[in-house]
Protein backbone atom coordinates (compact mmCIF):
# COMPACT_ATOMS: atom_id res chain seq x y z
CA MET A 1 75.77 130.91 145.53
CA LYS A 2 78.79 133.41 143.66
CA TYR A 3 78.70 133.70 139.99
CA ALA A 4 81.40 134.71 137.52
CA ARG A 5 78.94 137.45 136.44
CA PRO A 6 77.52 139.80 138.72
CA ASP A 7 74.28 140.57 136.66
CA TYR A 8 73.34 136.76 137.64
CA ASN A 9 73.49 137.42 140.71
CA ARG A 10 69.54 138.27 141.08
CA ILE A 11 69.35 133.84 140.10
CA GLN A 12 68.30 132.81 143.77
CA ASP A 13 68.63 129.88 145.16
CA PRO A 14 64.96 129.54 147.61
CA ALA A 15 65.49 126.41 149.24
CA ASN A 16 69.69 126.97 150.39
CA LEU A 17 70.37 124.15 148.71
CA ILE A 18 73.85 125.81 147.46
CA PRO A 19 76.58 127.30 149.61
CA GLU A 20 76.68 131.07 149.54
CA ASN A 21 80.14 130.91 148.33
CA GLU A 22 80.21 128.33 146.26
CA PRO A 23 80.92 129.34 142.74
CA VAL A 24 78.40 128.64 140.01
CA PHE A 25 78.75 128.69 136.11
CA LEU A 26 75.49 129.74 133.60
CA ILE A 27 75.38 128.43 131.02
CA ARG A 28 72.21 130.10 128.75
CA ALA A 29 70.46 128.50 125.17
CA GLN A 30 71.22 131.29 123.49
CA ASP A 31 75.18 131.10 124.21
CA ILE A 32 75.74 129.38 121.08
CA THR A 33 78.27 127.09 122.79
CA ALA A 34 76.18 126.26 124.83
CA PRO A 35 75.04 122.67 123.50
CA LYS A 36 78.38 121.67 122.85
CA VAL A 37 79.69 122.44 126.01
CA VAL A 38 76.51 120.68 128.02
CA ARG A 39 77.20 117.32 125.97
CA TYR A 40 81.00 118.17 126.84
CA TRP A 41 80.17 117.55 130.64
CA ALA A 42 78.19 115.09 129.81
CA ALA A 43 81.27 113.11 128.58
CA GLN A 44 83.16 114.37 131.36
CA ALA A 45 80.67 113.29 134.04
CA GLU A 46 80.85 109.71 132.58
CA ARG A 47 84.41 109.53 132.71
CA GLU A 48 84.22 110.31 136.19
CA GLY A 49 81.78 107.67 136.79
CA ALA A 50 78.26 109.51 136.52
CA LYS A 51 75.18 107.44 136.79
CA LYS A 52 73.27 107.17 133.58
CA ASP A 53 70.52 109.01 134.58
CA ILE A 54 72.10 112.46 135.10
CA ILE A 55 74.41 111.49 131.75
CA ARG A 56 71.32 111.63 129.51
CA SER A 57 69.57 114.41 131.43
CA ALA A 58 72.79 116.70 130.39
CA GLN A 59 72.43 115.33 126.93
CA LYS A 60 68.12 115.35 126.83
CA TRP A 61 69.02 119.44 127.56
CA ALA A 62 71.65 119.90 125.17
CA SER A 63 68.97 118.77 122.76
CA ARG A 64 66.59 121.06 124.20
CA MET A 65 69.33 123.77 123.96
CA GLU A 66 69.85 123.10 120.42
CA LYS A 67 65.73 123.36 119.73
CA TRP A 68 65.43 126.81 121.24
CA GLN A 69 68.74 127.99 119.21
CA ARG A 70 66.40 127.15 115.97
CA ASP A 71 63.80 129.00 117.05
CA HIS A 72 65.43 131.89 118.98
CA MET A 73 68.56 134.58 118.46
CA LYS A 74 71.84 132.79 119.65
CA LYS A 75 75.16 135.05 120.15
CA ILE A 76 78.55 134.32 121.30
CA PRO A 77 78.85 135.09 125.00
CA ASP A 78 79.39 138.22 126.28
CA MET A 79 79.77 140.30 129.12
CA PRO A 80 77.96 143.77 129.64
CA LYS A 81 79.40 146.28 130.25
CA LYS A 82 81.29 147.73 133.28
CA SER A 83 78.65 150.64 133.65
CA GLU A 84 75.88 148.19 133.62
CA MET A 85 77.86 145.52 136.34
CA LYS A 86 76.55 146.14 139.83
CA GLU A 87 79.50 144.76 141.28
CA GLU A 88 82.87 143.78 140.56
CA VAL A 89 84.35 140.35 140.11
CA ASN A 90 88.06 139.46 140.94
CA GLY A 91 90.18 138.16 138.30
CA LEU A 92 86.99 138.41 135.26
């Protein structure tokens, strides 16, 4: 799997369910936009015909992110400094 951020490359898929060249986008709860983005994703998935259980699961996850944010530091999205990046990603 390929991430938009090279510092996330350490996140693994031990069951190899995600193809090596499939782009993956990770949103952490510390990202102030995370709950809204997950809720937006759920709404779009519902419009496209996704099953109710995946929609409910995403909405619950957004609520968990909001709860986490109440108890922890949240921040605006950022990128690591180039000196901290192990490899460059085309287009970023």
